[in-house]
Amino acid sequence: MKQIINKEYEEWQKYKSEKAKGHMLLPDTVRFICEDNKCDAEKIGQHFLEILPKICPPEDR
């Protein structure tokens, strides 16, 4: 059985926590955002820049 190092375990715990909070971007979510912005890279980037402060407070960045 493969053993993991502490850093890998900490990353796994963080992943599980973020997933439980709904902070994961799933493929369907990304596809929806792209389609909603008509696959325009500038609009997609602007969308993420607008929502970033709402989902990630400055002290977490």
PDB file of N, CA and C in Angstrom:
ATOM      1  N   MET A   1       0.846  -1.170   0.000  1.00  0.00           N
ATOM      2  CA  MET A   1       0.000   0.000   0.000  1.00  0.00           C
ATOM      3  C   MET A   1       0.899   1.243   0.000  1.00  0.00           C
ATOM      4  N   LYS A   2       0.564   2.189  -0.871  1.00  0.00           N
ATOM      5  CA  LYS A   2       1.349   3.418  -0.958  1.00  0.00           C
ATOM      6  C   LYS A   2       1.014   4.339   0.202  1.00  0.00           C
ATOM      7  N   GLN A   3       2.027   4.914   0.771  1.00  0.00           N
ATOM      8  CA  GLN A   3       1.848   5.870   1.859  1.00  0.00           C
ATOM      9  C   GLN A   3       2.048   7.270   1.286  1.00  0.00           C
ATOM     10  N   ILE A   4       1.341   8.233   1.837  1.00  0.00           N
ATOM     11  CA  ILE A   4       1.497   9.604   1.371  1.00  0.00           C
ATOM     12  C   ILE A   4       2.257  10.425   2.396  1.00  0.00           C
ATOM     13  N   ILE A   5       2.892  11.476   1.902  1.00  0.00           N
ATOM     14  CA  ILE A   5       3.639  12.341   2.816  1.00  0.00           C
ATOM     15  C   ILE A   5       2.679  13.351   3.446  1.00  0.00           C
ATOM     16  N   ASN A   6       3.127  14.012   4.494  1.00  0.00           N
ATOM     17  CA  ASN A   6       2.282  14.964   5.222  1.00  0.00           C
ATOM     18  C   ASN A   6       1.741  16.057   4.314  1.00  0.00           C
ATOM     19  N   LYS A   7       2.570  16.578   3.402  1.00  0.00           N
ATOM     20  CA  LYS A   7       2.139  17.642   2.512  1.00  0.00           C
ATOM     21  C   LYS A   7       0.983  17.161   1.621  1.00  0.00           C
ATOM     22  N   GLU A   8       1.087  15.951   1.102  1.00  0.00           N
ATOM     23  CA  GLU A   8       0.011  15.399   0.275  1.00  0.00           C
ATOM     24  C   GLU A   8      -1.269  15.243   1.092  1.00  0.00           C
ATOM     25  N   TYR A   9      -1.123  14.804   2.328  1.00  0.00           N
ATOM     26  CA  TYR A   9      -2.283  14.637   3.199  1.00  0.00           C
ATOM     27  C   TYR A   9      -2.944  15.982   3.481  1.00  0.00           C
ATOM     28  N   GLU A  10      -2.140  17.014   3.739  1.00  0.00           N
ATOM     29  CA  GLU A  10      -2.680  18.353   3.985  1.00  0.00           C
ATOM     30  C   GLU A  10      -3.415  18.891   2.749  1.00  0.00           C
ATOM     31  N   GLU A  11      -2.838  18.654   1.564  1.00  0.00           N
ATOM     32  CA  GLU A  11      -3.485  19.082   0.327  1.00  0.00           C
ATOM     33  C   GLU A  11      -4.814  18.356   0.130  1.00  0.00           C
ATOM     34  N   TRP A  12      -4.855  17.066   0.463  1.00  0.00           N
ATOM     35  CA  TRP A  12      -6.081  16.282   0.349  1.00  0.00           C
ATOM     36  C   TRP A  12      -7.155  16.820   1.299  1.00  0.00           C
ATOM     37  N   GLN A  13      -6.750  17.153   2.515  1.00  0.00           N
ATOM     38  CA  GLN A  13      -7.685  17.699   3.493  1.00  0.00           C
ATOM     39  C   GLN A  13      -8.243  19.045   3.005  1.00  0.00           C
ATOM     40  N   LYS A  14      -7.372  19.884   2.444  1.00  0.00           N
ATOM     41  CA  LYS A  14      -7.813  21.177   1.914  1.00  0.00           C
ATOM     42  C   LYS A  14      -8.782  20.962   0.756  1.00  0.00           C
ATOM     43  N   TYR A  15      -8.462  20.016  -0.136  1.00  0.00           N
ATOM     44  CA  TYR A  15      -9.347  19.694  -1.262  1.00  0.00           C
ATOM     45  C   TYR A  15     -10.726  19.271  -0.762  1.00  0.00           C
ATOM     46  N   LYS A  16     -10.755  18.375   0.224  1.00  0.00           N
ATOM     47  CA  LYS A  16     -12.034  17.904   0.752  1.00  0.00           C
ATOM     48  C   LYS A  16     -12.829  19.053   1.369  1.00  0.00           C
ATOM     49  N   SER A  17     -12.145  19.943   2.072  1.00  0.00           N
ATOM     50  CA  SER A  17     -12.806  21.089   2.694  1.00  0.00           C
ATOM     51  C   SER A  17     -13.394  22.026   1.643  1.00  0.00           C
ATOM     52  N   GLU A  18     -12.620  22.337   0.612  1.00  0.00           N
ATOM     53  CA  GLU A  18     -13.092  23.231  -0.456  1.00  0.00           C
ATOM     54  C   GLU A  18     -14.249  22.591  -1.225  1.00  0.00           C
ATOM     55  N   LYS A  19     -14.168  21.292  -1.444  1.00  0.00           N
ATOM     56  CA  LYS A  19     -15.241  20.589  -2.142  1.00  0.00           C
ATOM     57  C   LYS A  19     -16.525  20.638  -1.321  1.00  0.00           C
ATOM     58  N   ALA A  20     -16.413  20.457  -0.019  1.00  0.00           N
ATOM     59  CA  ALA A  20     -17.585  20.490   0.861  1.00  0.00           C
ATOM     60  C   ALA A  20     -18.232  21.876   0.871  1.00  0.00           C
ATOM     61  N   LYS A  21     -17.440  22.919   0.715  1.00  0.00           N
ATOM     62  CA  LYS A  21     -17.960  24.283   0.690  1.00  0.00           C
ATOM     63  C   LYS A  21     -18.515  24.673  -0.673  1.00  0.00           C
ATOM     64  N   GLY A  22     -18.310  23.819  -1.680  1.00  0.00           N
ATOM     65  CA  GLY A  22     -18.793  24.118  -3.026  1.00  0.00           C
ATOM     66  C   GLY A  22     -17.877  25.046  -3.795  1.00  0.00           C
ATOM     67  N   HIS A  23     -16.593  25.067  -3.448  1.00  0.00           N
ATOM     68  CA  HIS A  23     -15.649  25.958  -4.096  1.00  0.00           C
ATOM     69  C   HIS A  23     -14.931  25.330  -5.280  1.00  0.00           C
ATOM     70  N   MET A  24     -15.377  24.179  -5.723  1.00  0.00           N
ATOM     71  CA  MET A  24     -14.716  23.494  -6.828  1.00  0.00           C
ATOM     72  C   MET A  24     -15.387  23.854  -8.143  1.00  0.00           C
ATOM     73  N   LEU A  25     -14.592  24.106  -9.164  1.00  0.00           N
ATOM     74  CA  LEU A  25     -15.122  24.360 -10.491  1.00  0.00           C
ATOM     75  C   LEU A  25     -15.164  23.034 -11.247  1.00  0.00           C
ATOM     76  N   LEU A  26     -16.355  22.543 -11.474  1.00  0.00           N
ATOM     77  CA  LEU A  26     -16.528  21.304 -12.207  1.00  0.00           C
ATOM     78  C   LEU A  26     -16.584  21.608 -13.702  1.00  0.00           C
ATOM     79  N   PRO A  27     -16.307  20.622 -14.543  1.00  0.00           N
ATOM     80  CA  PRO A  27     -16.326  20.854 -15.994  1.00  0.00           C
ATOM     81  C   PRO A  27     -17.636  21.464 -16.490  1.00  0.00           C
ATOM     82  N   ASP A  28     -18.773  21.019 -15.965  1.00  0.00           N
ATOM     83  CA  ASP A  28     -20.052  21.587 -16.395  1.00  0.00           C
ATOM     84  C   ASP A  28     -20.177  23.056 -16.020  1.00  0.00           C
ATOM     85  N   THR A  29     -19.618  23.429 -14.882  1.00  0.00           N
ATOM     86  CA  THR A  29     -19.657  24.820 -14.444  1.00  0.00           C
ATOM     87  C   THR A  29     -18.818  25.691 -15.369  1.00  0.00           C
ATOM     88  N   VAL A  30     -17.626  25.220 -15.696  1.00  0.00           N
ATOM     89  CA  VAL A  30     -16.755  25.968 -16.604  1.00  0.00           C
ATOM     90  C   VAL A  30     -17.414  26.089 -17.977  1.00  0.00           C
ATOM     91  N   ARG A  31     -18.002  24.997 -18.453  1.00  0.00           N
ATOM     92  CA  ARG A  31     -18.680  25.014 -19.754  1.00  0.00           C
ATOM     93  C   ARG A  31     -19.827  26.025 -19.746  1.00  0.00           C
ATOM     94  N   PHE A  32     -20.601  26.055 -18.669  1.00  0.00           N
ATOM     95  CA  PHE A  32     -21.719  26.992 -18.554  1.00  0.00           C
ATOM     96  C   PHE A  32     -21.223  28.440 -18.588  1.00  0.00           C
ATOM     97  N   ILE A  33     -20.161  28.725 -17.849  1.00  0.00           N
ATOM     98  CA  ILE A  33     -19.615  30.083 -17.823  1.00  0.00           C
ATOM     99  C   ILE A  33     -19.118  30.485 -19.209  1.00  0.00           C
ATOM    100  N   CYS A  34     -18.434  29.577 -19.878  1.00  0.00           N
ATOM    101  CA  CYS A  34     -17.932  29.874 -21.228  1.00  0.00           C
ATOM    102  C   CYS A  34     -19.069  30.109 -22.207  1.00  0.00           C
ATOM    103  N   GLU A  35     -20.076  29.251 -22.184  1.00  0.00           N
ATOM    104  CA  GLU A  35     -21.213  29.409 -23.088  1.00  0.00           C
ATOM    105  C   GLU A  35     -21.996  30.677 -22.775  1.00  0.00           C
ATOM    106  N   ASP A  36     -22.136  30.998 -21.504  1.00  0.00           N
ATOM    107  CA  ASP A  36     -22.862  32.198 -21.105  1.00  0.00           C
ATOM    108  C   ASP A  36     -22.161  33.461 -21.616  1.00  0.00           C
ATOM    109  N   ASN A  37     -20.840  33.401 -21.720  1.00  0.00           N
ATOM    110  CA  ASN A  37     -20.053  34.533 -22.212  1.00  0.00           C
ATOM    111  C   ASN A  37     -19.681  34.377 -23.682  1.00  0.00           C
ATOM    112  N   LYS A  38     -20.384  33.477 -24.374  1.00  0.00           N
ATOM    113  CA  LYS A  38     -20.196  33.233 -25.810  1.00  0.00           C
ATOM    114  C   LYS A  38     -18.740  32.925 -26.171  1.00  0.00           C
ATOM    115  N   CYS A  39     -18.062  32.214 -25.285  1.00  0.00           N
ATOM    116  CA  CYS A  39     -16.658  31.779 -25.452  1.00  0.00           C
ATOM    117  C   CYS A  39     -15.708  32.930 -25.762  1.00  0.00           C
ATOM    118  N   ASP A  40     -16.053  34.133 -25.330  1.00  0.00           N
ATOM    119  CA  ASP A  40     -15.195  35.307 -25.494  1.00  0.00           C
ATOM    120  C   ASP A  40     -14.244  35.358 -24.302  1.00  0.00           C
ATOM    121  N   ALA A  41     -12.954  35.159 -24.564  1.00  0.00           N
ATOM    122  CA  ALA A  41     -11.968  35.075 -23.489  1.00  0.00           C
ATOM    123  C   ALA A  41     -11.971  36.320 -22.607  1.00  0.00           C
ATOM    124  N   GLU A  42     -12.130  37.481 -23.209  1.00  0.00           N
ATOM    125  CA  GLU A  42     -12.130  38.720 -22.421  1.00  0.00           C
ATOM    126  C   GLU A  42     -13.326  38.775 -21.472  1.00  0.00           C
ATOM    127  N   LYS A  43     -14.503  38.369 -21.946  1.00  0.00           N
ATOM    128  CA  LYS A  43     -15.698  38.373 -21.096  1.00  0.00           C
ATOM    129  C   LYS A  43     -15.584  37.337 -19.980  1.00  0.00           C
ATOM    130  N   ILE A  44     -15.014  36.181 -20.304  1.00  0.00           N
ATOM    131  CA  ILE A  44     -14.841  35.132 -19.299  1.00  0.00           C
ATOM    132  C   ILE A  44     -13.886  35.614 -18.210  1.00  0.00           C
ATOM    133  N   GLY A  45     -12.785  36.221 -18.619  1.00  0.00           N
ATOM    134  CA  GLY A  45     -11.830  36.758 -17.656  1.00  0.00           C
ATOM    135  C   GLY A  45     -12.458  37.837 -16.790  1.00  0.00           C
ATOM    136  N   GLN A  46     -13.260  38.712 -17.405  1.00  0.00           N
ATOM    137  CA  GLN A  46     -13.928  39.776 -16.655  1.00  0.00           C
ATOM    138  C   GLN A  46     -14.896  39.182 -15.639  1.00  0.00           C
ATOM    139  N   HIS A  47     -15.605  38.114 -16.037  1.00  0.00           N
ATOM    140  CA  HIS A  47     -16.533  37.437 -15.126  1.00  0.00           C
ATOM    141  C   HIS A  47     -15.796  36.964 -13.866  1.00  0.00           C
ATOM    142  N   PHE A  48     -14.657  36.294 -14.066  1.00  0.00           N
ATOM    143  CA  PHE A  48     -13.912  35.782 -12.916  1.00  0.00           C
ATOM    144  C   PHE A  48     -13.333  36.910 -12.071  1.00  0.00           C
ATOM    145  N   LEU A  49     -12.891  37.984 -12.707  1.00  0.00           N
ATOM    146  CA  LEU A  49     -12.374  39.125 -11.938  1.00  0.00           C
ATOM    147  C   LEU A  49     -13.474  39.765 -11.099  1.00  0.00           C
ATOM    148  N   GLU A  50     -14.705  39.751 -11.602  1.00  0.00           N
ATOM    149  CA  GLU A  50     -15.821  40.333 -10.857  1.00  0.00           C
ATOM    150  C   GLU A  50     -16.240  39.469  -9.670  1.00  0.00           C
ATOM    151  N   ILE A  51     -16.182  38.146  -9.828  1.00  0.00           N
ATOM    152  CA  ILE A  51     -16.642  37.282  -8.741  1.00  0.00           C
ATOM    153  C   ILE A  51     -15.543  36.950  -7.740  1.00  0.00           C
ATOM    154  N   LEU A  52     -14.283  37.165  -8.099  1.00  0.00           N
ATOM    155  CA  LEU A  52     -13.177  36.828  -7.214  1.00  0.00           C
ATOM    156  C   LEU A  52     -13.307  37.443  -5.824  1.00  0.00           C
ATOM    157  N   PRO A  53     -13.575  38.744  -5.698  1.00  0.00           N
ATOM    158  CA  PRO A  53     -13.687  39.310  -4.343  1.00  0.00           C
ATOM    159  C   PRO A  53     -14.837  38.719  -3.523  1.00  0.00           C
ATOM    160  N   LYS A  54     -15.864  38.226  -4.199  1.00  0.00           N
ATOM    161  CA  LYS A  54     -17.011  37.651  -3.495  1.00  0.00           C
ATOM    162  C   LYS A  54     -16.697  36.271  -2.932  1.00  0.00           C
ATOM    163  N   ILE A  55     -15.911  35.489  -3.671  1.00  0.00           N
ATOM    164  CA  ILE A  55     -15.661  34.115  -3.248  1.00  0.00           C
ATOM    165  C   ILE A  55     -14.331  33.932  -2.535  1.00  0.00           C
ATOM    166  N   CYS A  56     -13.446  34.904  -2.666  1.00  0.00           N
ATOM    167  CA  CYS A  56     -12.122  34.783  -2.060  1.00  0.00           C
ATOM    168  C   CYS A  56     -11.734  36.118  -1.456  1.00  0.00           C
ATOM    169  N   PRO A  57     -12.007  36.308  -0.177  1.00  0.00           N
ATOM    170  CA  PRO A  57     -11.648  37.580   0.464  1.00  0.00           C
ATOM    171  C   PRO A  57     -10.152  37.869   0.323  1.00  0.00           C
ATOM    172  N   PRO A  58      -9.758  39.144   0.325  1.00  0.00           N
ATOM    173  CA  PRO A  58      -8.347  39.519   0.103  1.00  0.00           C
ATOM    174  C   PRO A  58      -7.347  38.808   1.023  1.00  0.00           C
ATOM    175  N   GLU A  59      -7.692  38.537   2.279  1.00  0.00           N
ATOM    176  CA  GLU A  59      -6.728  37.898   3.168  1.00  0.00           C
ATOM    177  C   GLU A  59      -6.465  36.437   2.789  1.00  0.00           C
ATOM    178  N   ASP A  60      -7.344  35.806   1.992  1.00  0.00           N
ATOM    179  CA  ASP A  60      -7.156  34.417   1.575  1.00  0.00           C
ATOM    180  C   ASP A  60      -6.307  34.304   0.311  1.00  0.00           C
ATOM    181  N   ARG A  61      -6.154  35.373  -0.437  1.00  0.00           N
ATOM    182  CA  ARG A  61      -5.426  35.317  -1.712  1.00  0.00           C
ATOM    183  C   ARG A  61      -3.961  35.319  -1.531  1.00  0.00           C
TER     184      ARG A  61
END
